[in-house]
């Protein structure tokens, strides 16, 4: 019965959220239901203590626990179980949580050299993934969705389908254009997915993650983070970065100002005479 309810829920959820969000929420709901099965607990009998006990068994940050709790809460809301056992559960953010470590410009240059060593089809493909992620700030799901005819070399731009099916057109860097031309020389077709496997099939976002990480040594989203941060450090306007990244709200883009402020704080501590008394 629970499997059937989950299937109905997942069908409805898939229509509401982006692919990556769906994958995360579906995984979290499945993991919780699997936990209930192991302890022989029926979902209609679950109480707040059961949910809290489950969430505390997972070794993750408080913020991640809160996200898992929200996924479980939405599932209970779908099942119309009252009272909702997740109601009132709140995990406060970790105090002193470190900002994400971003690769420096030097580390980026070294990674670009590493991924550029191979002139094979796969090597050029991997290099293009990195050039688009860093040069145009694309997400891995956006990279995986790209088709060859999304590239417009005349206007030096690429059409991107982002979260929620929202489309935007972003400029291409000179290095990306150069790599695209090299890649097209190895492709006898002019249509279809841009990034394909040896079998000619579109590469899934999950596979693209490992390809980029293993070939460059840097995770896909860090290339996107580095793109925004390095542009901000170079004096780029925050709203331009917002447009490039496809953020709906400026507050989402403002996370990069916090990273830059942290860098500024470190610089002051290490160089300012009043910090070296």
C-alpha atoms as a PDB file:
ATOM      1  CA  UNK A   1       0.000   0.000   0.000  1.00  0.00           C
ATOM      2  CA  UNK A   2       2.798   2.411   0.942  1.00  0.00           C
ATOM      3  CA  UNK A   3       4.601   1.750  -2.342  1.00  0.00           C
ATOM      4  CA  UNK A   4       1.451   2.734  -4.226  1.00  0.00           C
ATOM      5  CA  UNK A   5       1.073   5.923  -2.172  1.00  0.00           C
ATOM      6  CA  UNK A   6       4.713   6.840  -2.817  1.00  0.00           C
ATOM      7  CA  UNK A   7       4.252   6.319  -6.556  1.00  0.00           C
ATOM      8  CA  UNK A   8       1.255   8.675  -6.568  1.00  0.00           C
ATOM      9  CA  UNK A   9       3.193  11.228  -4.551  1.00  0.00           C
ATOM     10  CA  UNK A  10       6.250  11.055  -6.808  1.00  0.00           C
ATOM     11  CA  UNK A  11       4.123  11.532  -9.923  1.00  0.00           C
ATOM     12  CA  UNK A  12       2.644  14.699  -8.426  1.00  0.00           C
ATOM     13  CA  UNK A  13       5.996  15.909  -7.102  1.00  0.00           C
ATOM     14  CA  UNK A  14       7.714  15.491 -10.464  1.00  0.00           C
ATOM     15  CA  UNK A  15       5.325  18.047 -11.990  1.00  0.00           C
ATOM     16  CA  UNK A  16       6.103  20.663  -9.337  1.00  0.00           C
ATOM     17  CA  UNK A  17       9.874  20.746  -8.889  1.00  0.00           C
ATOM     18  CA  UNK A  18      13.108  20.644 -10.883  1.00  0.00           C
ATOM     19  CA  UNK A  19      14.747  17.319 -11.723  1.00  0.00           C
ATOM     20  CA  UNK A  20      17.489  17.593  -9.105  1.00  0.00           C
ATOM     21  CA  UNK A  21      15.028  18.679  -6.398  1.00  0.00           C
ATOM     22  CA  UNK A  22      12.749  15.779  -7.285  1.00  0.00           C
ATOM     23  CA  UNK A  23      15.635  13.312  -7.026  1.00  0.00           C
ATOM     24  CA  UNK A  24      16.620  14.647  -3.589  1.00  0.00           C
ATOM     25  CA  UNK A  25      13.111  14.709  -2.138  1.00  0.00           C
ATOM     26  CA  UNK A  26      12.235  11.280  -3.552  1.00  0.00           C
ATOM     27  CA  UNK A  27      15.408   9.802  -2.076  1.00  0.00           C
ATOM     28  CA  UNK A  28      14.673  11.329   1.348  1.00  0.00           C
ATOM     29  CA  UNK A  29      11.106  10.011   1.406  1.00  0.00           C
ATOM     30  CA  UNK A  30      12.207   6.534   0.298  1.00  0.00           C
ATOM     31  CA  UNK A  31      14.930   6.456   2.971  1.00  0.00           C
ATOM     32  CA  UNK A  32      12.426   7.406   5.680  1.00  0.00           C
ATOM     33  CA  UNK A  33       9.908   4.759   4.560  1.00  0.00           C
ATOM     34  CA  UNK A  34      12.700   2.182   4.472  1.00  0.00           C
ATOM     35  CA  UNK A  35      13.584   3.125   8.056  1.00  0.00           C
ATOM     36  CA  UNK A  36       9.944   2.645   9.121  1.00  0.00           C
ATOM     37  CA  UNK A  37       9.915  -0.757   7.462  1.00  0.00           C
ATOM     38  CA  UNK A  38      13.031  -1.834   9.371  1.00  0.00           C
ATOM     39  CA  UNK A  39      11.498  -0.934  12.730  1.00  0.00           C
ATOM     40  CA  UNK A  40       8.115  -2.415  11.733  1.00  0.00           C
ATOM     41  CA  UNK A  41       6.320   0.903  12.063  1.00  0.00           C
ATOM     42  CA  UNK A  42       3.190   1.764  10.093  1.00  0.00           C
ATOM     43  CA  UNK A  43       3.223   5.288   8.702  1.00  0.00           C
ATOM     44  CA  UNK A  44      -0.226   6.083  10.135  1.00  0.00           C
ATOM     45  CA  UNK A  45       1.147   5.430  13.645  1.00  0.00           C
ATOM     46  CA  UNK A  46       4.264   7.593  13.300  1.00  0.00           C
ATOM     47  CA  UNK A  47       4.636  10.351  15.905  1.00  0.00           C
ATOM     48  CA  UNK A  48       6.982  13.294  16.303  1.00  0.00           C
ATOM     49  CA  UNK A  49       9.475  11.299  18.385  1.00  0.00           C
ATOM     50  CA  UNK A  50       9.780   8.700  15.611  1.00  0.00           C
ATOM     51  CA  UNK A  51      10.634  11.372  13.045  1.00  0.00           C
ATOM     52  CA  UNK A  52      13.114  13.124  15.330  1.00  0.00           C
ATOM     53  CA  UNK A  53      14.801   9.824  16.194  1.00  0.00           C
ATOM     54  CA  UNK A  54      15.196   9.023  12.487  1.00  0.00           C
ATOM     55  CA  UNK A  55      16.581  12.458  11.633  1.00  0.00           C
ATOM     56  CA  UNK A  56      19.121  12.255  14.438  1.00  0.00           C
ATOM     57  CA  UNK A  57      20.441   8.912  13.154  1.00  0.00           C
ATOM     58  CA  UNK A  58      21.717  10.636   9.996  1.00  0.00           C
ATOM     59  CA  UNK A  59      25.194  12.155  10.288  1.00  0.00           C
ATOM     60  CA  UNK A  60      24.586  15.482   8.522  1.00  0.00           C
ATOM     61  CA  UNK A  61      24.361  19.180   9.368  1.00  0.00           C
ATOM     62  CA  UNK A  62      21.328  20.643  11.117  1.00  0.00           C
ATOM     63  CA  UNK A  63      20.422  22.513   7.966  1.00  0.00           C
ATOM     64  CA  UNK A  64      20.414  19.257   5.977  1.00  0.00           C
ATOM     65  CA  UNK A  65      18.272  17.611   8.676  1.00  0.00           C
ATOM     66  CA  UNK A  66      15.785  20.450   8.367  1.00  0.00           C
ATOM     67  CA  UNK A  67      15.634  19.902   4.595  1.00  0.00           C
ATOM     68  CA  UNK A  68      14.980  16.166   5.116  1.00  0.00           C
ATOM     69  CA  UNK A  69      12.293  17.023   7.646  1.00  0.00           C
ATOM     70  CA  UNK A  70      10.586  19.301   5.104  1.00  0.00           C
ATOM     71  CA  UNK A  71      10.562  16.505   2.520  1.00  0.00           C
ATOM     72  CA  UNK A  72       8.976  14.120   5.019  1.00  0.00           C
ATOM     73  CA  UNK A  73       6.477  16.795   6.094  1.00  0.00           C
ATOM     74  CA  UNK A  74       5.342  17.305   2.502  1.00  0.00           C
ATOM     75  CA  UNK A  75       4.815  13.555   2.141  1.00  0.00           C
ATOM     76  CA  UNK A  76       2.616  13.464   5.257  1.00  0.00           C
ATOM     77  CA  UNK A  77       0.668  16.441   3.896  1.00  0.00           C
ATOM     78  CA  UNK A  78       0.074  14.519   0.677  1.00  0.00           C
ATOM     79  CA  UNK A  79      -1.175  11.523   2.688  1.00  0.00           C
ATOM     80  CA  UNK A  80      -3.445  13.893   4.665  1.00  0.00           C
ATOM     81  CA  UNK A  81      -2.328  12.357   7.961  1.00  0.00           C
ATOM     82  CA  UNK A  82      -3.385  14.511  10.912  1.00  0.00           C
ATOM     83  CA  UNK A  83      -1.835  15.606  13.123  1.00  0.00           C
ATOM     84  CA  UNK A  84       1.278  15.857  10.967  1.00  0.00           C
ATOM     85  CA  UNK A  85       4.057  14.293  13.121  1.00  0.00           C
ATOM     86  CA  UNK A  86       6.676  16.644  11.661  1.00  0.00           C
ATOM     87  CA  UNK A  87       4.854  19.781  12.781  1.00  0.00           C
ATOM     88  CA  UNK A  88       7.015  21.924  15.039  1.00  0.00           C
ATOM     89  CA  UNK A  89      10.260  20.052  14.386  1.00  0.00           C
ATOM     90  CA  UNK A  90      13.019  22.568  13.750  1.00  0.00           C
ATOM     91  CA  UNK A  91      16.773  22.177  13.536  1.00  0.00           C
ATOM     92  CA  UNK A  92      18.577  25.487  13.911  1.00  0.00           C
ATOM     93  CA  UNK A  93      21.487  26.171  11.524  1.00  0.00           C
ATOM     94  CA  UNK A  94      24.923  25.159  12.804  1.00  0.00           C
ATOM     95  CA  UNK A  95      26.699  28.042  14.475  1.00  0.00           C
ATOM     96  CA  UNK A  96      30.002  28.986  12.979  1.00  0.00           C
ATOM     97  CA  UNK A  97      29.306  26.971   9.831  1.00  0.00           C
ATOM     98  CA  UNK A  98      32.189  27.418   7.415  1.00  0.00           C
ATOM     99  CA  UNK A  99      31.663  28.979   4.049  1.00  0.00           C
ATOM    100  CA  UNK A 100      32.219  26.686   1.111  1.00  0.00           C
ATOM    101  CA  UNK A 101      35.844  26.417   0.011  1.00  0.00           C
ATOM    102  CA  UNK A 102      36.093  27.718  -3.515  1.00  0.00           C
ATOM    103  CA  UNK A 103      38.976  26.945  -5.865  1.00  0.00           C
ATOM    104  CA  UNK A 104      41.229  29.956  -6.373  1.00  0.00           C
ATOM    105  CA  UNK A 105      42.005  31.358  -9.804  1.00  0.00           C
ATOM    106  CA  UNK A 106      45.327  29.507  -9.720  1.00  0.00           C
ATOM    107  CA  UNK A 107      43.591  26.216  -8.847  1.00  0.00           C
ATOM    108  CA  UNK A 108      41.128  26.828 -11.688  1.00  0.00           C
ATOM    109  CA  UNK A 109      43.977  27.388 -14.144  1.00  0.00           C
ATOM    110  CA  UNK A 110      45.691  24.175 -13.046  1.00  0.00           C
ATOM    111  CA  UNK A 111      42.411  22.225 -13.395  1.00  0.00           C
ATOM    112  CA  UNK A 112      41.855  23.666 -16.877  1.00  0.00           C
ATOM    113  CA  UNK A 113      45.332  22.530 -17.897  1.00  0.00           C
ATOM    114  CA  UNK A 114      44.623  19.070 -16.464  1.00  0.00           C
ATOM    115  CA  UNK A 115      41.360  18.648 -18.358  1.00  0.00           C
ATOM    116  CA  UNK A 116      42.902  19.963 -21.604  1.00  0.00           C
ATOM    117  CA  UNK A 117      45.601  17.316 -21.875  1.00  0.00           C
ATOM    118  CA  UNK A 118      43.572  14.859 -23.949  1.00  0.00           C
ATOM    119  CA  UNK A 119      42.696  15.629 -27.571  1.00  0.00           C
ATOM    120  CA  UNK A 120      40.350  12.631 -27.876  1.00  0.00           C
ATOM    121  CA  UNK A 121      36.597  12.996 -28.346  1.00  0.00           C
ATOM    122  CA  UNK A 122      36.002  12.381 -24.620  1.00  0.00           C
ATOM    123  CA  UNK A 123      38.796  14.757 -23.650  1.00  0.00           C
ATOM    124  CA  UNK A 124      37.396  17.613 -25.744  1.00  0.00           C
ATOM    125  CA  UNK A 125      33.895  16.870 -24.484  1.00  0.00           C
ATOM    126  CA  UNK A 126      35.057  17.061 -20.864  1.00  0.00           C
ATOM    127  CA  UNK A 127      36.963  20.270 -21.567  1.00  0.00           C
ATOM    128  CA  UNK A 128      33.816  21.839 -23.033  1.00  0.00           C
ATOM    129  CA  UNK A 129      31.789  20.858 -19.958  1.00  0.00           C
ATOM    130  CA  UNK A 130      34.274  22.730 -17.794  1.00  0.00           C
ATOM    131  CA  UNK A 131      34.494  25.749 -20.105  1.00  0.00           C
ATOM    132  CA  UNK A 132      30.697  26.150 -20.071  1.00  0.00           C
ATOM    133  CA  UNK A 133      30.391  25.593 -16.315  1.00  0.00           C
ATOM    134  CA  UNK A 134      33.118  28.113 -15.492  1.00  0.00           C
ATOM    135  CA  UNK A 135      32.761  30.485 -18.430  1.00  0.00           C
ATOM    136  CA  UNK A 136      28.955  30.728 -18.488  1.00  0.00           C
ATOM    137  CA  UNK A 137      28.071  29.525 -14.967  1.00  0.00           C
ATOM    138  CA  UNK A 138      25.942  26.544 -16.041  1.00  0.00           C
ATOM    139  CA  UNK A 139      24.589  23.907 -13.665  1.00  0.00           C
ATOM    140  CA  UNK A 140      25.272  20.248 -14.422  1.00  0.00           C
ATOM    141  CA  UNK A 141      21.601  19.624 -15.206  1.00  0.00           C
ATOM    142  CA  UNK A 142      21.704  22.544 -17.626  1.00  0.00           C
ATOM    143  CA  UNK A 143      24.817  21.106 -19.254  1.00  0.00           C
ATOM    144  CA  UNK A 144      23.170  17.690 -19.597  1.00  0.00           C
ATOM    145  CA  UNK A 145      20.096  19.220 -21.264  1.00  0.00           C
ATOM    146  CA  UNK A 146      22.048  21.113 -23.922  1.00  0.00           C
ATOM    147  CA  UNK A 147      21.547  20.224 -27.570  1.00  0.00           C
ATOM    148  CA  UNK A 148      23.917  21.025 -30.403  1.00  0.00           C
ATOM    149  CA  UNK A 149      21.498  23.530 -31.930  1.00  0.00           C
ATOM    150  CA  UNK A 150      21.351  25.438 -28.630  1.00  0.00           C
ATOM    151  CA  UNK A 151      24.784  26.763 -29.548  1.00  0.00           C
ATOM    152  CA  UNK A 152      24.763  29.907 -31.702  1.00  0.00           C
ATOM    153  CA  UNK A 153      28.302  30.737 -32.784  1.00  0.00           C
ATOM    154  CA  UNK A 154      27.115  33.737 -34.806  1.00  0.00           C
ATOM    155  CA  UNK A 155      25.758  35.481 -31.714  1.00  0.00           C
ATOM    156  CA  UNK A 156      28.401  33.784 -29.512  1.00  0.00           C
ATOM    157  CA  UNK A 157      25.746  32.553 -27.094  1.00  0.00           C
ATOM    158  CA  UNK A 158      24.006  29.417 -25.829  1.00  0.00           C
ATOM    159  CA  UNK A 159      20.313  28.861 -25.017  1.00  0.00           C
ATOM    160  CA  UNK A 160      19.935  27.248 -21.607  1.00  0.00           C
ATOM    161  CA  UNK A 161      16.950  25.546 -19.960  1.00  0.00           C
ATOM    162  CA  UNK A 162      17.259  26.083 -16.219  1.00  0.00           C
ATOM    163  CA  UNK A 163      15.257  25.179 -13.143  1.00  0.00           C
ATOM    164  CA  UNK A 164      11.524  24.914 -13.661  1.00  0.00           C
ATOM    165  CA  UNK A 165      11.983  24.948 -17.442  1.00  0.00           C
ATOM    166  CA  UNK A 166      12.972  28.613 -17.365  1.00  0.00           C
ATOM    167  CA  UNK A 167      14.993  29.533 -20.455  1.00  0.00           C
ATOM    168  CA  UNK A 168      17.780  32.078 -20.746  1.00  0.00           C
ATOM    169  CA  UNK A 169      20.463  32.977 -23.252  1.00  0.00           C
ATOM    170  CA  UNK A 170      23.993  33.417 -21.927  1.00  0.00           C
ATOM    171  CA  UNK A 171      27.187  34.548 -23.700  1.00  0.00           C
ATOM    172  CA  UNK A 172      30.054  32.208 -24.536  1.00  0.00           C
ATOM    173  CA  UNK A 173      33.666  32.949 -23.697  1.00  0.00           C
ATOM    174  CA  UNK A 174      36.358  32.891 -26.383  1.00  0.00           C
ATOM    175  CA  UNK A 175      37.817  29.698 -24.894  1.00  0.00           C
ATOM    176  CA  UNK A 176      34.396  28.013 -24.932  1.00  0.00           C
ATOM    177  CA  UNK A 177      33.868  28.952 -28.595  1.00  0.00           C
ATOM    178  CA  UNK A 178      37.309  27.611 -29.471  1.00  0.00           C
ATOM    179  CA  UNK A 179      36.549  24.313 -27.694  1.00  0.00           C
ATOM    180  CA  UNK A 180      33.102  24.054 -29.312  1.00  0.00           C
ATOM    181  CA  UNK A 181      34.648  24.313 -32.770  1.00  0.00           C
ATOM    182  CA  UNK A 182      37.145  21.587 -31.871  1.00  0.00           C
ATOM    183  CA  UNK A 183      34.339  19.354 -30.590  1.00  0.00           C
ATOM    184  CA  UNK A 184      32.196  19.883 -33.685  1.00  0.00           C
ATOM    185  CA  UNK A 185      35.057  18.629 -35.854  1.00  0.00           C
ATOM    186  CA  UNK A 186      34.733  15.276 -34.045  1.00  0.00           C
ATOM    187  CA  UNK A 187      30.930  15.096 -34.434  1.00  0.00           C
ATOM    188  CA  UNK A 188      29.499  14.011 -37.803  1.00  0.00           C
ATOM    189  CA  UNK A 189      25.996  15.165 -36.756  1.00  0.00           C
ATOM    190  CA  UNK A 190      24.583  18.665 -36.314  1.00  0.00           C
ATOM    191  CA  UNK A 191      21.594  17.839 -34.108  1.00  0.00           C
ATOM    192  CA  UNK A 192      20.939  15.989 -30.903  1.00  0.00           C
ATOM    193  CA  UNK A 193      22.431  16.200 -27.418  1.00  0.00           C
ATOM    194  CA  UNK A 194      25.634  18.170 -27.036  1.00  0.00           C
ATOM    195  CA  UNK A 195      27.212  15.874 -24.455  1.00  0.00           C
ATOM    196  CA  UNK A 196      27.062  12.188 -25.332  1.00  0.00           C
ATOM    197  CA  UNK A 197      28.720   8.942 -24.269  1.00  0.00           C
ATOM    198  CA  UNK A 198      30.795   6.715 -26.530  1.00  0.00           C
ATOM    199  CA  UNK A 199      27.503   5.068 -27.516  1.00  0.00           C
ATOM    200  CA  UNK A 200      26.105   8.417 -28.650  1.00  0.00           C
ATOM    201  CA  UNK A 201      23.566   8.660 -25.829  1.00  0.00           C
ATOM    202  CA  UNK A 202      22.867  11.817 -23.840  1.00  0.00           C
ATOM    203  CA  UNK A 203      24.886  11.924 -20.638  1.00  0.00           C
ATOM    204  CA  UNK A 204      22.756  12.078 -17.482  1.00  0.00           C
ATOM    205  CA  UNK A 205      23.423  14.775 -14.852  1.00  0.00           C
ATOM    206  CA  UNK A 206      24.591  12.111 -12.371  1.00  0.00           C
ATOM    207  CA  UNK A 207      27.161  10.739 -14.844  1.00  0.00           C
ATOM    208  CA  UNK A 208      28.204  14.263 -15.832  1.00  0.00           C
ATOM    209  CA  UNK A 209      29.001  14.967 -12.172  1.00  0.00           C
ATOM    210  CA  UNK A 210      31.573  12.173 -11.994  1.00  0.00           C
ATOM    211  CA  UNK A 211      33.019  12.940 -15.436  1.00  0.00           C
ATOM    212  CA  UNK A 212      33.699  16.573 -14.490  1.00  0.00           C
ATOM    213  CA  UNK A 213      34.934  15.757 -11.000  1.00  0.00           C
ATOM    214  CA  UNK A 214      37.289  12.981 -12.116  1.00  0.00           C
ATOM    215  CA  UNK A 215      38.656  14.745 -15.200  1.00  0.00           C
ATOM    216  CA  UNK A 216      39.245  18.148 -13.592  1.00  0.00           C
ATOM    217  CA  UNK A 217      39.462  17.418  -9.869  1.00  0.00           C
ATOM    218  CA  UNK A 218      36.710  19.969  -9.163  1.00  0.00           C
ATOM    219  CA  UNK A 219      32.998  19.266  -8.605  1.00  0.00           C
ATOM    220  CA  UNK A 220      30.609  20.755 -11.216  1.00  0.00           C
ATOM    221  CA  UNK A 221      28.847  23.212  -8.927  1.00  0.00           C
ATOM    222  CA  UNK A 222      32.173  24.602  -7.699  1.00  0.00           C
ATOM    223  CA  UNK A 223      32.962  25.634 -11.280  1.00  0.00           C
ATOM    224  CA  UNK A 224      29.692  27.606 -11.264  1.00  0.00           C
ATOM    225  CA  UNK A 225      30.455  29.076  -7.832  1.00  0.00           C
ATOM    226  CA  UNK A 226      33.944  30.026  -8.977  1.00  0.00           C
ATOM    227  CA  UNK A 227      32.534  31.700 -12.093  1.00  0.00           C
ATOM    228  CA  UNK A 228      30.293  33.982 -10.034  1.00  0.00           C
ATOM    229  CA  UNK A 229      32.834  34.691  -7.310  1.00  0.00           C
ATOM    230  CA  UNK A 230      35.699  35.493  -9.664  1.00  0.00           C
ATOM    231  CA  UNK A 231      33.439  37.784 -11.719  1.00  0.00           C
ATOM    232  CA  UNK A 232      32.361  39.543  -8.531  1.00  0.00           C
ATOM    233  CA  UNK A 233      35.990  39.926  -7.464  1.00  0.00           C
ATOM    234  CA  UNK A 234      36.687  41.408 -10.892  1.00  0.00           C
ATOM    235  CA  UNK A 235      34.107  44.131 -10.314  1.00  0.00           C
ATOM    236  CA  UNK A 236      31.071  42.648 -12.103  1.00  0.00           C
ATOM    237  CA  UNK A 237      27.646  43.956 -11.057  1.00  0.00           C
ATOM    238  CA  UNK A 238      25.658  41.517  -8.891  1.00  0.00           C
ATOM    239  CA  UNK A 239      22.547  41.806 -11.083  1.00  0.00           C
ATOM    240  CA  UNK A 240      24.541  40.812 -14.154  1.00  0.00           C
ATOM    241  CA  UNK A 241      25.743  37.711 -12.286  1.00  0.00           C
ATOM    242  CA  UNK A 242      22.139  37.025 -11.262  1.00  0.00           C
ATOM    243  CA  UNK A 243      21.080  37.100 -14.917  1.00  0.00           C
ATOM    244  CA  UNK A 244      23.974  34.897 -15.976  1.00  0.00           C
ATOM    245  CA  UNK A 245      23.270  32.247 -13.329  1.00  0.00           C
ATOM    246  CA  UNK A 246      19.513  32.293 -13.845  1.00  0.00           C
ATOM    247  CA  UNK A 247      18.614  33.113 -10.241  1.00  0.00           C
ATOM    248  CA  UNK A 248      15.013  34.229  -9.693  1.00  0.00           C
ATOM    249  CA  UNK A 249      15.937  36.272  -6.635  1.00  0.00           C
ATOM    250  CA  UNK A 250      18.894  38.538  -6.017  1.00  0.00           C
ATOM    251  CA  UNK A 251      19.152  37.170  -2.478  1.00  0.00           C
ATOM    252  CA  UNK A 252      20.228  33.820  -3.954  1.00  0.00           C
ATOM    253  CA  UNK A 253      23.073  35.514  -5.818  1.00  0.00           C
ATOM    254  CA  UNK A 254      24.090  37.504  -2.739  1.00  0.00           C
ATOM    255  CA  UNK A 255      25.675  34.384  -1.203  1.00  0.00           C
ATOM    256  CA  UNK A 256      28.724  35.267  -3.294  1.00  0.00           C
ATOM    257  CA  UNK A 257      29.051  38.625  -1.529  1.00  0.00           C
ATOM    258  CA  UNK A 258      29.328  36.706   1.758  1.00  0.00           C
ATOM    259  CA  UNK A 259      32.163  34.638   0.294  1.00  0.00           C
ATOM    260  CA  UNK A 260      33.941  37.790  -0.805  1.00  0.00           C
ATOM    261  CA  UNK A 261      33.408  39.371   2.625  1.00  0.00           C
ATOM    262  CA  UNK A 262      34.985  36.316   4.235  1.00  0.00           C
ATOM    263  CA  UNK A 263      37.964  36.685   1.916  1.00  0.00           C
ATOM    264  CA  UNK A 264      38.164  40.377   2.840  1.00  0.00           C
ATOM    265  CA  UNK A 265      38.106  39.510   6.548  1.00  0.00           C
ATOM    266  CA  UNK A 266      40.972  37.039   6.099  1.00  0.00           C
ATOM    267  CA  UNK A 267      42.977  39.588   4.119  1.00  0.00           C
ATOM    268  CA  UNK A 268      42.504  42.224   6.841  1.00  0.00           C
ATOM    269  CA  UNK A 269      43.567  39.797   9.562  1.00  0.00           C
ATOM    270  CA  UNK A 270      46.697  38.776   7.668  1.00  0.00           C
ATOM    271  CA  UNK A 271      47.807  42.164   6.307  1.00  0.00           C
ATOM    272  CA  UNK A 272      46.361  45.032   8.354  1.00  0.00           C
ATOM    273  CA  UNK A 273      48.809  46.431  10.983  1.00  0.00           C
ATOM    274  CA  UNK A 274      46.005  46.664  13.568  1.00  0.00           C
ATOM    275  CA  UNK A 275      45.431  42.905  13.233  1.00  0.00           C
ATOM    276  CA  UNK A 276      49.082  42.017  13.856  1.00  0.00           C
ATOM    277  CA  UNK A 277      49.640  43.678  17.237  1.00  0.00           C
END
